[in-house]
C-alpha atoms as a PDB file:
ATOM      1  CA  MET A   1     -12.743   5.599  20.491  1.00  0.00           C
ATOM      2  CA  ASN A   2     -12.213   2.369  19.487  1.00  0.00           C
ATOM      3  CA  SER A   3      -9.649   1.502  16.267  1.00  0.00           C
ATOM      4  CA  ARG A   4     -11.947   2.086  13.665  1.00  0.00           C
ATOM      5  CA  GLU A   5     -13.360   5.214  15.181  1.00  0.00           C
ATOM      6  CA  ARG A   6     -10.214   6.540  15.443  1.00  0.00           C
ATOM      7  CA  VAL A   7      -9.493   5.729  11.771  1.00  0.00           C
ATOM      8  CA  MET A   8     -12.625   6.750  10.110  1.00  0.00           C
ATOM      9  CA  ALA A   9     -11.987  10.158  12.430  1.00  0.00           C
ATOM     10  CA  VAL A  10      -8.740  10.815   9.983  1.00  0.00           C
ATOM     11  CA  PHE A  11     -10.611  10.004   6.900  1.00  0.00           C
ATOM     12  CA  GLN A  12     -13.334  12.189   7.833  1.00  0.00           C
ATOM     13  CA  GLY A  13     -11.293  15.238   8.400  1.00  0.00           C
ATOM     14  CA  LYS A  14     -11.637  15.086  12.599  1.00  0.00           C
ATOM     15  CA  ILE A  15      -9.405  15.065  14.926  1.00  0.00           C
ATOM     16  CA  PRO A  16      -9.124  11.399  16.968  1.00  0.00           C
ATOM     17  CA  ASP A  17      -8.226  10.864  20.475  1.00  0.00           C
ATOM     18  CA  ARG A  18      -4.758   9.777  19.041  1.00  0.00           C
ATOM     19  CA  VAL A  19      -2.753   9.092  16.218  1.00  0.00           C
ATOM     20  CA  PRO A  20      -3.634   5.933  14.757  1.00  0.00           C
ATOM     21  CA  MET A  21      -1.117   3.493  14.017  1.00  0.00           C
ATOM     22  CA  TRP A  22      -0.479   0.336  11.532  1.00  0.00           C
ATOM     23  CA  CYS A  23       1.847  -1.937  10.914  1.00  0.00           C
ATOM     24  CA  GLY A  24       2.868  -4.050   7.642  1.00  0.00           C
ATOM     25  CA  ALA A  25       5.496  -6.569   8.050  1.00  0.00           C
ATOM     26  CA  SER A  26       6.921  -9.518   6.190  1.00  0.00           C
ATOM     27  CA  PRO A  27       5.484 -13.191   7.456  1.00  0.00           C
ATOM     28  CA  GLU A  28       9.292 -13.553   8.578  1.00  0.00           C
ATOM     29  CA  PHE A  29       8.989 -10.511  10.859  1.00  0.00           C
ATOM     30  CA  MET A  30       5.755 -11.507  12.137  1.00  0.00           C
ATOM     31  CA  GLU A  31       7.101 -15.116  13.160  1.00  0.00           C
ATOM     32  CA  LYS A  32      10.220 -13.590  14.860  1.00  0.00           C
ATOM     33  CA  ALA A  33       7.694 -10.927  16.563  1.00  0.00           C
ATOM     34  CA  ARG A  34       5.298 -13.850  17.824  1.00  0.00           C
ATOM     35  CA  LYS A  35       8.254 -15.882  19.444  1.00  0.00           C
ATOM     36  CA  TYR A  36       9.928 -12.499  21.151  1.00  0.00           C
ATOM     37  CA  LEU A  37       6.520 -11.857  22.412  1.00  0.00           C
ATOM     38  CA  GLY A  38       5.271 -15.200  23.305  1.00  0.00           C
ATOM     39  CA  ALA A  39       2.128 -14.381  21.014  1.00  0.00           C
ATOM     40  CA  ALA A  40      -0.225 -17.186  19.959  1.00  0.00           C
ATOM     41  CA  ASP A  41      -0.507 -15.642  16.684  1.00  0.00           C
ATOM     42  CA  ASN A  42      -0.262 -12.819  14.476  1.00  0.00           C
ATOM     43  CA  GLU A  43      -3.342 -10.962  15.994  1.00  0.00           C
ATOM     44  CA  GLY A  44      -1.446 -11.125  19.238  1.00  0.00           C
ATOM     45  CA  VAL A  45       1.453  -9.214  17.471  1.00  0.00           C
ATOM     46  CA  LEU A  46      -0.748  -6.427  16.192  1.00  0.00           C
ATOM     47  CA  LYS A  47      -2.646  -5.950  19.221  1.00  0.00           C
ATOM     48  CA  ARG A  48       0.598  -5.482  20.830  1.00  0.00           C
ATOM     49  CA  PHE A  49       1.698  -2.933  18.561  1.00  0.00           C
ATOM     50  CA  HIS A  50      -1.439  -0.925  19.069  1.00  0.00           C
ATOM     51  CA  ASP A  51      -2.152  -1.682  15.382  1.00  0.00           C
ATOM     52  CA  ASP A  52      -5.797   0.159  14.356  1.00  0.00           C
ATOM     53  CA  PHE A  53      -5.832  -1.728  11.065  1.00  0.00           C
ATOM     54  CA  ARG A  54      -6.440  -5.279   9.600  1.00  0.00           C
ATOM     55  CA  ARG A  55      -6.546  -6.785   6.543  1.00  0.00           C
ATOM     56  CA  VAL A  56      -8.827  -9.003   4.763  1.00  0.00           C
ATOM     57  CA  TYR A  57      -7.989 -11.070   1.392  1.00  0.00           C
ATOM     58  CA  SER A  58      -9.402 -13.342  -1.251  1.00  0.00           C
ATOM     59  CA  VAL A  59      -8.052 -16.428  -2.039  1.00  0.00           C
ATOM     60  CA  TYR A  60      -6.756 -17.739  -5.650  1.00  0.00           C
ATOM     61  CA  CYS A  61      -8.660 -20.865  -6.198  1.00  0.00           C
ATOM     62  CA  GLY A  62      -7.917 -20.977 -10.088  1.00  0.00           C
ATOM     63  CA  PRO A  63      -5.985 -23.663 -12.372  1.00  0.00           C
ATOM     64  CA  GLU A  64      -2.718 -24.696 -10.616  1.00  0.00           C
ATOM     65  CA  LEU A  65      -0.201 -22.402 -11.674  1.00  0.00           C
ATOM     66  CA  PRO A  66       3.361 -23.549 -12.755  1.00  0.00           C
ATOM     67  CA  GLU A  67       6.144 -22.632  -9.626  1.00  0.00           C
ATOM     68  CA  ARG A  68       6.695 -19.168  -9.014  1.00  0.00           C
ATOM     69  CA  THR A  69       4.411 -18.034 -11.853  1.00  0.00           C
ATOM     70  CA  SER A  70       1.898 -14.998 -11.519  1.00  0.00           C
ATOM     71  CA  VAL A  71      -1.319 -15.092 -12.587  1.00  0.00           C
ATOM     72  CA  PHE A  72      -0.351 -13.118 -15.617  1.00  0.00           C
ATOM     73  CA  GLY A  73       2.014 -15.825 -16.685  1.00  0.00           C
ATOM     74  CA  VAL A  74       5.700 -14.398 -15.828  1.00  0.00           C
ATOM     75  CA  LYS A  75       7.902 -16.831 -14.390  1.00  0.00           C
ATOM     76  CA  ARG A  76       9.854 -15.461 -11.738  1.00  0.00           C
ATOM     77  CA  GLY A  77      13.232 -16.273 -10.052  1.00  0.00           C
ATOM     78  CA  GLY A  78      15.496 -15.245  -7.257  1.00  0.00           C
ATOM     79  CA  ILE A  79      15.689 -14.353  -3.622  1.00  0.00           C
ATOM     80  CA  GLY A  80      11.994 -13.876  -2.210  1.00  0.00           C
ATOM     81  CA  TYR A  81       9.668 -12.378  -4.860  1.00  0.00           C
ATOM     82  CA  GLY A  82      12.187 -12.343  -7.041  1.00  0.00           C
ATOM     83  CA  GLN A  83      12.543 -11.194 -10.488  1.00  0.00           C
ATOM     84  CA  ALA A  84      10.764 -11.835 -13.812  1.00  0.00           C
ATOM     85  CA  LEU A  85      12.556 -14.128 -15.789  1.00  0.00           C
ATOM     86  CA  SER A  86      11.180 -13.330 -19.010  1.00  0.00           C
ATOM     87  CA  HIS A  87       8.554 -10.762 -20.318  1.00  0.00           C
ATOM     88  CA  PRO A  88       5.993 -12.469 -22.594  1.00  0.00           C
ATOM     89  CA  LEU A  89       4.755  -8.992 -24.045  1.00  0.00           C
ATOM     90  CA  ALA A  90       7.939  -7.735 -24.586  1.00  0.00           C
ATOM     91  CA  GLU A  91       7.782  -7.534 -28.673  1.00  0.00           C
ATOM     92  CA  ALA A  92       4.027  -7.843 -28.678  1.00  0.00           C
ATOM     93  CA  THR A  93       1.758  -5.933 -31.055  1.00  0.00           C
ATOM     94  CA  LEU A  94      -1.683  -4.160 -30.097  1.00  0.00           C
ATOM     95  CA  GLU A  95      -3.172  -7.368 -31.784  1.00  0.00           C
ATOM     96  CA  ASP A  96      -0.895  -9.964 -29.535  1.00  0.00           C
ATOM     97  CA  VAL A  97      -2.246  -7.616 -26.360  1.00  0.00           C
ATOM     98  CA  GLU A  98      -5.761  -8.274 -26.997  1.00  0.00           C
ATOM     99  CA  LYS A  99      -5.320 -12.155 -27.723  1.00  0.00           C
ATOM    100  CA  TYR A 100      -3.076 -12.819 -24.685  1.00  0.00           C
ATOM    101  CA  PRO A 101      -4.324 -15.024 -22.142  1.00  0.00           C
ATOM    102  CA  TRP A 102      -5.348 -12.610 -19.635  1.00  0.00           C
ATOM    103  CA  PRO A 103      -6.207 -14.176 -16.182  1.00  0.00           C
ATOM    104  CA  ASP A 104      -9.821 -14.710 -15.174  1.00  0.00           C
ATOM    105  CA  PRO A 105     -11.502 -12.760 -12.320  1.00  0.00           C
ATOM    106  CA  ASP A 106     -13.245 -16.186 -10.994  1.00  0.00           C
ATOM    107  CA  TRP A 107     -10.222 -17.331 -10.096  1.00  0.00           C
ATOM    108  CA  TYR A 108     -10.558 -15.702  -7.000  1.00  0.00           C
ATOM    109  CA  ASP A 109     -12.687 -16.717  -4.238  1.00  0.00           C
ATOM    110  CA  VAL A 110     -13.884 -13.677  -2.338  1.00  0.00           C
ATOM    111  CA  ARG A 111     -16.274 -15.582  -0.066  1.00  0.00           C
ATOM    112  CA  PRO A 112     -13.427 -15.584   3.052  1.00  0.00           C
ATOM    113  CA  VAL A 113     -13.022 -11.598   2.776  1.00  0.00           C
ATOM    114  CA  ARG A 114     -16.696 -11.204   4.420  1.00  0.00           C
ATOM    115  CA  GLU A 115     -16.263 -13.929   6.932  1.00  0.00           C
ATOM    116  CA  ALA A 116     -12.960 -12.351   8.133  1.00  0.00           C
ATOM    117  CA  ALA A 117     -14.420  -8.711   8.080  1.00  0.00           C
ATOM    118  CA  GLU A 118     -17.143 -10.101  10.037  1.00  0.00           C
ATOM    119  CA  ALA A 119     -14.870 -11.281  12.776  1.00  0.00           C
ATOM    120  CA  TYR A 120     -13.106  -7.847  13.371  1.00  0.00           C
ATOM    121  CA  GLY A 121     -16.888  -6.812  14.397  1.00  0.00           C
ATOM    122  CA  LYS A 122     -16.470  -3.038  13.665  1.00  0.00           C
ATOM    123  CA  GLU A 123     -13.711  -2.773  15.812  1.00  0.00           C
ATOM    124  CA  TYR A 124     -10.649  -2.280  13.742  1.00  0.00           C
ATOM    125  CA  ALA A 125     -10.494  -0.275  10.278  1.00  0.00           C
ATOM    126  CA  VAL A 126     -10.609  -3.084   7.606  1.00  0.00           C
ATOM    127  CA  MET A 127      -8.693  -2.736   4.385  1.00  0.00           C
ATOM    128  CA  GLY A 128      -9.472  -5.111   1.500  1.00  0.00           C
ATOM    129  CA  GLY A 129      -9.553  -5.175  -2.227  1.00  0.00           C
ATOM    130  CA  GLU A 130      -6.462  -6.796  -4.296  1.00  0.00           C
ATOM    131  CA  TRP A 131      -3.086  -5.408  -4.123  1.00  0.00           C
ATOM    132  CA  SER A 132      -3.569  -4.436  -7.872  1.00  0.00           C
ATOM    133  CA  PRO A 133       0.111  -3.580  -8.787  1.00  0.00           C
ATOM    134  CA  PHE A 134      -0.717  -2.732 -12.082  1.00  0.00           C
ATOM    135  CA  PHE A 135       2.586  -0.866 -12.920  1.00  0.00           C
ATOM    136  CA  HIS A 136       4.497  -3.727 -11.621  1.00  0.00           C
ATOM    137  CA  ASP A 137       2.772  -6.231 -13.779  1.00  0.00           C
ATOM    138  CA  ALA A 138       3.190  -4.118 -16.733  1.00  0.00           C
ATOM    139  CA  VAL A 139       6.898  -3.864 -15.920  1.00  0.00           C
ATOM    140  CA  ASP A 140       6.881  -7.956 -15.658  1.00  0.00           C
ATOM    141  CA  LEU A 141       5.087  -8.254 -18.757  1.00  0.00           C
ATOM    142  CA  MET A 142       7.004  -6.030 -20.848  1.00  0.00           C
ATOM    143  CA  GLY A 143      10.581  -5.539 -19.263  1.00  0.00           C
ATOM    144  CA  MET A 144      11.187  -1.973 -17.763  1.00  0.00           C
ATOM    145  CA  GLN A 145      13.372  -0.305 -20.075  1.00  0.00           C
ATOM    146  CA  ASN A 146      11.374  -1.739 -23.176  1.00  0.00           C
ATOM    147  CA  MET A 147       8.013  -0.655 -21.844  1.00  0.00           C
ATOM    148  CA  MET A 148       9.242   3.207 -21.308  1.00  0.00           C
ATOM    149  CA  VAL A 149      10.364   2.717 -24.898  1.00  0.00           C
ATOM    150  CA  LYS A 150       7.111   1.636 -25.730  1.00  0.00           C
ATOM    151  CA  MET A 151       5.391   4.608 -24.114  1.00  0.00           C
ATOM    152  CA  TYR A 152       7.195   7.024 -26.913  1.00  0.00           C
ATOM    153  CA  GLU A 153       7.269   4.410 -29.841  1.00  0.00           C
ATOM    154  CA  GLU A 154       4.086   2.384 -29.346  1.00  0.00           C
ATOM    155  CA  PRO A 155       2.141   4.266 -26.695  1.00  0.00           C
ATOM    156  CA  GLU A 156      -1.292   2.460 -27.969  1.00  0.00           C
ATOM    157  CA  VAL A 157       0.320  -1.010 -26.752  1.00  0.00           C
ATOM    158  CA  VAL A 158       1.267   0.263 -23.475  1.00  0.00           C
ATOM    159  CA  GLN A 159      -1.989   1.611 -22.914  1.00  0.00           C
ATOM    160  CA  ALA A 160      -3.570  -1.738 -23.707  1.00  0.00           C
ATOM    161  CA  VAL A 161      -1.492  -3.517 -21.464  1.00  0.00           C
ATOM    162  CA  PHE A 162      -2.568  -1.186 -18.458  1.00  0.00           C
ATOM    163  CA  ARG A 163      -6.309  -1.431 -19.711  1.00  0.00           C
ATOM    164  CA  HIS A 164      -6.303  -5.304 -19.365  1.00  0.00           C
ATOM    165  CA  ILE A 165      -4.224  -4.992 -16.401  1.00  0.00           C
ATOM    166  CA  VAL A 166      -6.326  -2.688 -14.440  1.00  0.00           C
ATOM    167  CA  ASP A 167      -9.494  -4.562 -15.928  1.00  0.00           C
ATOM    168  CA  PHE A 168      -8.833  -7.587 -13.958  1.00  0.00           C
ATOM    169  CA  TYR A 169      -8.390  -6.101 -10.912  1.00  0.00           C
ATOM    170  CA  LEU A 170     -11.527  -3.837 -11.022  1.00  0.00           C
ATOM    171  CA  ALA A 171     -13.258  -7.101 -11.869  1.00  0.00           C
ATOM    172  CA  VAL A 172     -11.820  -8.753  -8.878  1.00  0.00           C
ATOM    173  CA  ASN A 173     -12.564  -5.985  -6.679  1.00  0.00           C
ATOM    174  CA  LYS A 174     -16.131  -5.238  -7.879  1.00  0.00           C
ATOM    175  CA  ARG A 175     -16.388  -9.237  -6.585  1.00  0.00           C
ATOM    176  CA  ILE A 176     -14.782  -8.400  -3.036  1.00  0.00           C
ATOM    177  CA  PHE A 177     -16.794  -4.779  -2.634  1.00  0.00           C
ATOM    178  CA  GLU A 178     -20.146  -6.700  -3.576  1.00  0.00           C
ATOM    179  CA  ALA A 179     -19.424  -9.496  -1.222  1.00  0.00           C
ATOM    180  CA  ALA A 180     -18.278  -7.448   1.819  1.00  0.00           C
ATOM    181  CA  GLY A 181     -17.908  -3.666   0.908  1.00  0.00           C
ATOM    182  CA  ASP A 182     -20.367  -3.033   3.934  1.00  0.00           C
ATOM    183  CA  LEU A 183     -17.647  -4.499   6.017  1.00  0.00           C
ATOM    184  CA  ILE A 184     -14.474  -3.088   4.635  1.00  0.00           C
ATOM    185  CA  ASP A 185     -13.274   0.623   5.118  1.00  0.00           C
ATOM    186  CA  ILE A 186     -10.373   1.052   2.796  1.00  0.00           C
ATOM    187  CA  PHE A 187      -9.308  -0.086  -0.241  1.00  0.00           C
ATOM    188  CA  PHE A 188      -5.554  -0.621  -0.035  1.00  0.00           C
ATOM    189  CA  PHE A 189      -3.336  -1.066  -3.065  1.00  0.00           C
ATOM    190  CA  GLY A 190       0.206  -0.624  -4.084  1.00  0.00           C
ATOM    191  CA  ASN A 191       2.373   0.401  -6.828  1.00  0.00           C
ATOM    192  CA  ASP A 192       6.008   1.695  -6.528  1.00  0.00           C
ATOM    193  CA  PHE A 193       6.292   4.815  -8.817  1.00  0.00           C
ATOM    194  CA  GLY A 194       9.660   6.095  -7.296  1.00  0.00           C
ATOM    195  CA  SER A 195      13.075   5.654  -7.062  1.00  0.00           C
ATOM    196  CA  GLN A 196      15.426   6.449  -4.504  1.00  0.00           C
ATOM    197  CA  ASN A 197      16.180   9.827  -6.363  1.00  0.00           C
ATOM    198  CA  GLY A 198      12.796  10.556  -7.792  1.00  0.00           C
ATOM    199  CA  PRO A 199       9.792   9.289  -9.939  1.00  0.00           C
ATOM    200  CA  LEU A 200      10.226   6.550 -12.298  1.00  0.00           C
ATOM    201  CA  VAL A 201       7.924   7.643 -14.367  1.00  0.00           C
ATOM    202  CA  GLY A 202       6.983  11.591 -14.160  1.00  0.00           C
ATOM    203  CA  GLY A 203       5.349  14.485 -15.479  1.00  0.00           C
ATOM    204  CA  GLU A 204       3.397  14.395 -18.715  1.00  0.00           C
ATOM    205  CA  THR A 205       4.168  10.427 -19.147  1.00  0.00           C
ATOM    206  CA  PHE A 206       2.814   9.660 -15.454  1.00  0.00           C
ATOM    207  CA  ARG A 207      -0.206  11.779 -16.110  1.00  0.00           C
ATOM    208  CA  THR A 208      -0.955  10.231 -19.529  1.00  0.00           C
ATOM    209  CA  PHE A 209      -0.342   6.232 -18.402  1.00  0.00           C
ATOM    210  CA  LEU A 210      -0.742   5.687 -15.031  1.00  0.00           C
ATOM    211  CA  LYS A 211      -2.944   8.785 -13.236  1.00  0.00           C
ATOM    212  CA  PRO A 212      -5.606   7.562 -15.129  1.00  0.00           C
ATOM    213  CA  GLN A 213      -5.192   3.564 -13.775  1.00  0.00           C
ATOM    214  CA  VAL A 214      -4.948   4.960 -10.369  1.00  0.00           C
ATOM    215  CA  ALA A 215      -8.168   7.297 -11.155  1.00  0.00           C
ATOM    216  CA  ARG A 216     -10.059   4.309 -12.287  1.00  0.00           C
ATOM    217  CA  LEU A 217      -9.223   2.010  -9.057  1.00  0.00           C
ATOM    218  CA  CYS A 218     -10.263   4.791  -6.961  1.00  0.00           C
ATOM    219  CA  SER A 219     -13.346   5.846  -8.673  1.00  0.00           C
ATOM    220  CA  GLN A 220     -14.698   2.324  -8.285  1.00  0.00           C
ATOM    221  CA  ALA A 221     -13.742   2.058  -4.519  1.00  0.00           C
ATOM    222  CA  HIS A 222     -15.506   5.342  -3.871  1.00  0.00           C
ATOM    223  CA  GLU A 223     -18.638   3.886  -5.853  1.00  0.00           C
ATOM    224  CA  TYR A 224     -18.770   1.477  -3.367  1.00  0.00           C
ATOM    225  CA  GLY A 225     -18.577   4.151  -0.304  1.00  0.00           C
ATOM    226  CA  LEU A 226     -14.791   3.044   0.565  1.00  0.00           C
ATOM    227  CA  TYR A 227     -12.292   5.219   1.118  1.00  0.00           C
ATOM    228  CA  THR A 228      -8.510   4.439  -1.059  1.00  0.00           C
ATOM    229  CA  MET A 229      -5.136   4.228   0.468  1.00  0.00           C
ATOM    230  CA  LEU A 230      -1.759   3.790  -1.990  1.00  0.00           C
ATOM    231  CA  HIS A 231       1.368   2.206  -0.702  1.00  0.00           C
ATOM    232  CA  CYS A 232       4.071   3.873  -2.958  1.00  0.00           C
ATOM    233  CA  CYS A 233       7.707   3.514  -2.188  1.00  0.00           C
ATOM    234  CA  GLY A 234      10.476   6.225  -3.146  1.00  0.00           C
ATOM    235  CA  SER A 235      10.785   9.825  -3.635  1.00  0.00           C
ATOM    236  CA  ILE A 236       7.220  10.678  -5.539  1.00  0.00           C
ATOM    237  CA  SER A 237       6.515  14.085  -3.973  1.00  0.00           C
ATOM    238  CA  GLU A 238       6.226  15.751  -7.531  1.00  0.00           C
ATOM    239  CA  LEU A 239       3.475  12.952  -8.328  1.00  0.00           C
ATOM    240  CA  ILE A 240       1.500  13.476  -5.240  1.00  0.00           C
ATOM    241  CA  PRO A 241      -0.669  16.638  -6.540  1.00  0.00           C
ATOM    242  CA  ASP A 242      -1.824  14.226  -9.789  1.00  0.00           C
ATOM    243  CA  LEU A 243      -2.422  11.322  -6.997  1.00  0.00           C
ATOM    244  CA  ILE A 244      -4.716  13.726  -4.928  1.00  0.00           C
ATOM    245  CA  ASP A 245      -6.500  14.566  -8.242  1.00  0.00           C
ATOM    246  CA  ALA A 246      -6.935  10.996  -9.196  1.00  0.00           C
ATOM    247  CA  GLY A 247      -8.942  10.712  -6.344  1.00  0.00           C
ATOM    248  CA  LEU A 248      -6.554   9.010  -3.615  1.00  0.00           C
ATOM    249  CA  ASP A 249      -7.421   9.949   0.232  1.00  0.00           C
ATOM    250  CA  ALA A 250      -4.194   8.500   1.844  1.00  0.00           C
ATOM    251  CA  LEU A 251      -0.939   7.923   0.866  1.00  0.00           C
ATOM    252  CA  GLN A 252       1.071   5.232   2.532  1.00  0.00           C
ATOM    253  CA  SER A 253       5.056   4.679   3.143  1.00  0.00           C
ATOM    254  CA  LEU A 254       6.597   8.279   3.046  1.00  0.00           C
ATOM    255  CA  GLN A 255      10.192   7.063   2.741  1.00  0.00           C
ATOM    256  CA  PRO A 256      12.431  10.217   3.783  1.00  0.00           C
ATOM    257  CA  VAL A 257      15.004   9.386   0.901  1.00  0.00           C
ATOM    258  CA  THR A 258      15.388  12.930  -0.472  1.00  0.00           C
ATOM    259  CA  PRO A 259      15.076  16.487   0.654  1.00  0.00           C
ATOM    260  CA  SER A 260      11.312  16.658  -0.788  1.00  0.00           C
ATOM    261  CA  MET A 261      10.121  13.747   1.014  1.00  0.00           C
ATOM    262  CA  GLN A 262      10.992  14.902   4.295  1.00  0.00           C
ATOM    263  CA  ALA A 263       8.257  15.213   7.161  1.00  0.00           C
ATOM    264  CA  ASP A 264       8.190  18.819   7.447  1.00  0.00           C
ATOM    265  CA  VAL A 265       8.208  19.342   3.673  1.00  0.00           C
ATOM    266  CA  LEU A 266       5.501  17.021   3.329  1.00  0.00           C
ATOM    267  CA  LYS A 267       3.616  18.305   5.935  1.00  0.00           C
ATOM    268  CA  LYS A 268       3.871  22.249   4.906  1.00  0.00           C
ATOM    269  CA  ALA A 269       2.755  21.156   0.803  1.00  0.00           C
ATOM    270  CA  TYR A 270       0.202  18.652   1.591  1.00  0.00           C
ATOM    271  CA  GLY A 271      -1.252  18.842   4.908  1.00  0.00           C
ATOM    272  CA  GLY A 272      -4.956  18.942   4.917  1.00  0.00           C
ATOM    273  CA  LYS A 273      -4.828  17.781   1.240  1.00  0.00           C
ATOM    274  CA  ILE A 274      -4.187  14.126   1.687  1.00  0.00           C
ATOM    275  CA  ILE A 275      -4.358  11.450   4.816  1.00  0.00           C
ATOM    276  CA  MET A 276      -0.292  10.665   5.519  1.00  0.00           C
ATOM    277  CA  ASN A 277       0.702   7.359   6.549  1.00  0.00           C
ATOM    278  CA  GLY A 278       4.370   6.513   7.648  1.00  0.00           C
ATOM    279  CA  CYS A 279       7.309   8.427   7.793  1.00  0.00           C
ATOM    280  CA  VAL A 280       9.299   6.952  10.355  1.00  0.00           C
ATOM    281  CA  ASN A 281      12.564   5.497   8.613  1.00  0.00           C
ATOM    282  CA  SER A 282      12.215   1.732   8.382  1.00  0.00           C
ATOM    283  CA  VAL A 283      16.025   1.364   7.452  1.00  0.00           C
ATOM    284  CA  THR A 284      18.146   3.805   9.174  1.00  0.00           C
ATOM    285  CA  VAL A 285      15.759   4.283  12.093  1.00  0.00           C
ATOM    286  CA  LEU A 286      14.090   0.481  12.975  1.00  0.00           C
ATOM    287  CA  LEU A 287      16.249  -1.837  11.078  1.00  0.00           C
ATOM    288  CA  GLN A 288      19.747  -0.076  11.828  1.00  0.00           C
ATOM    289  CA  GLY A 289      19.207   1.936  14.910  1.00  0.00           C
ATOM    290  CA  THR A 290      18.419   1.520  18.453  1.00  0.00           C
ATOM    291  CA  GLU A 291      15.414   1.601  20.580  1.00  0.00           C
ATOM    292  CA  GLU A 292      16.609   5.003  22.248  1.00  0.00           C
ATOM    293  CA  LEU A 293      16.695   6.619  18.209  1.00  0.00           C
ATOM    294  CA  ALA A 294      13.020   4.912  17.424  1.00  0.00           C
ATOM    295  CA  ARG A 295      11.482   6.760  20.171  1.00  0.00           C
ATOM    296  CA  ALA A 296      13.407  10.116  19.578  1.00  0.00           C
ATOM    297  CA  GLU A 297      12.468   9.728  15.939  1.00  0.00           C
ATOM    298  CA  THR A 298       8.770   8.858  16.381  1.00  0.00           C
ATOM    299  CA  LYS A 299       8.607  11.881  19.020  1.00  0.00           C
ATOM    300  CA  ARG A 300      10.137  14.130  16.377  1.00  0.00           C
ATOM    301  CA  ILE A 301       7.785  12.698  13.648  1.00  0.00           C
ATOM    302  CA  LEU A 302       4.619  13.308  15.720  1.00  0.00           C
ATOM    303  CA  ASP A 303       5.542  16.627  16.423  1.00  0.00           C
ATOM    304  CA  ILE A 304       5.949  17.467  12.809  1.00  0.00           C
ATOM    305  CA  MET A 305       2.777  15.554  11.516  1.00  0.00           C
ATOM    306  CA  ALA A 306       0.175  15.033  14.485  1.00  0.00           C
ATOM    307  CA  PRO A 307      -0.933  19.094  14.543  1.00  0.00           C
ATOM    308  CA  GLY A 308      -3.942  19.172  13.048  1.00  0.00           C
ATOM    309  CA  GLY A 309      -4.954  15.869  12.074  1.00  0.00           C
ATOM    310  CA  GLY A 310      -4.391  13.699   9.056  1.00  0.00           C
ATOM    311  CA  PHE A 311      -1.606  11.408   9.817  1.00  0.00           C
ATOM    312  CA  ILE A 312      -1.388   7.843  10.276  1.00  0.00           C
ATOM    313  CA  LEU A 313       1.885   6.571  11.787  1.00  0.00           C
ATOM    314  CA  SER A 314       3.631   3.872  10.536  1.00  0.00           C
ATOM    315  CA  PRO A 315       7.095   2.478   9.169  1.00  0.00           C
ATOM    316  CA  SER A 316       8.227   4.172   5.991  1.00  0.00           C
ATOM    317  CA  HIS A 317       7.685   0.829   4.226  1.00  0.00           C
ATOM    318  CA  ASP A 318       4.630  -1.751   4.386  1.00  0.00           C
ATOM    319  CA  TYR A 319       6.855  -4.631   4.796  1.00  0.00           C
ATOM    320  CA  LEU A 320       9.177  -4.836   7.852  1.00  0.00           C
ATOM    321  CA  LEU A 321      11.885  -7.024   7.121  1.00  0.00           C
ATOM    322  CA  GLU A 322      13.018 -10.216   9.206  1.00  0.00           C
ATOM    323  CA  GLU A 323      16.533  -8.537  10.424  1.00  0.00           C
ATOM    324  CA  THR A 324      14.290  -5.336  11.918  1.00  0.00           C
ATOM    325  CA  PRO A 325      14.840  -5.638  15.631  1.00  0.00           C
ATOM    326  CA  VAL A 326      11.497  -6.203  17.450  1.00  0.00           C
ATOM    327  CA  GLU A 327      12.525  -4.009  20.343  1.00  0.00           C
ATOM    328  CA  ASN A 328      12.771  -0.872  17.833  1.00  0.00           C
ATOM    329  CA  VAL A 329       9.494  -1.417  16.656  1.00  0.00           C
ATOM    330  CA  ILE A 330       7.596  -1.853  20.025  1.00  0.00           C
ATOM    331  CA  ALA A 331       9.526   1.172  20.915  1.00  0.00           C
ATOM    332  CA  MET A 332       8.298   3.171  18.046  1.00  0.00           C
ATOM    333  CA  TYR A 333       4.266   1.895  18.630  1.00  0.00           C
ATOM    334  CA  ASP A 334       4.842   2.534  22.411  1.00  0.00           C
ATOM    335  CA  THR A 335       6.261   6.058  21.667  1.00  0.00           C
ATOM    336  CA  ALA A 336       3.320   6.742  19.354  1.00  0.00           C
ATOM    337  CA  TYR A 337       0.705   5.213  21.986  1.00  0.00           C
ATOM    338  CA  THR A 338       1.832   7.616  24.705  1.00  0.00           C
ATOM    339  CA  CYS A 339       3.118  10.811  23.006  1.00  0.00           C
ATOM    340  CA  GLY A 340       0.205  10.837  20.012  1.00  0.00           C
ATOM    341  CA  VAL A 341      -2.659  11.407  22.301  1.00  0.00           C
ATOM    342  CA  TYR A 342      -4.344  14.751  20.962  1.00  0.00           C
ATOM    343  CA  PRO A 343      -5.946  17.247  23.664  1.00  0.00           C
ATOM    344  CA  SER A 344      -9.338  16.739  24.823  1.00  0.00           C
ATOM    345  CA  ILE A 345     -11.806  18.869  23.018  1.00  0.00           C
END
């Protein structure tokens, strides 16, 4: 099997030749890995990590934005991606939301997506589509605490904000999928619904405000024949049934931060119901641990998650930090490469 065939087997409910692997990393980590490995580019790093996936991106081509300002008009500051410095819709009425200068989908050039996907020649599973972090965009626009209060006091305002944000992402994704949907396998998007202790929004509130938007994004991707995979940080085990019901095919991250997010618990509860991608602790194992620990924990995770298929191995986050030792990451992927082989049928 090549990488694409391996990944597609998992999404089709079949057993591949070995457990597929995926790597999500910060630009700073990738730069460090290139130097460590003597690789000419990121592609050389991904091949060394036995990565079975590749991502393709649209390119922003809209009007010049003020420094560190999102397409939704939110100014950011602080280290790295930073935090929102203001919340333009914090006190908005429903009329204000409707009149807000929402971004234009034509601000994104989708032509590079097809060119990049074609270059992989069906060798790898290609992930595409906009990141579509509608939850985070709404938090930026309204403020977290304020948004959650409005969910009870002015639910129609919050629903309108979510609708406009997701309408924008659906429009951009439509352009991407029409331009290159035949070369993309998986719509990969991200929203962090969890904290270290549990969901940020749970129960009926999640089902009222967030689940319908996940369903809209998944439904569109399925209409174009694509599988769906969501990156979601934190302790979200109680949300997984609703994510499955919303049409999600795969869930990435699976951070072992609470008892309900441990690999054995997730496998027992959701094995065969949703594809699980992640599980190897990106903090205590990969960042703070040793090569020996990385090998041992990878073997332990494989023993739990690999039987019966439906598993993709990756760090428990989609963004390896620069300070993560490259040696530990190599130890994880090499161990999975040799120990994640399924018996021949």
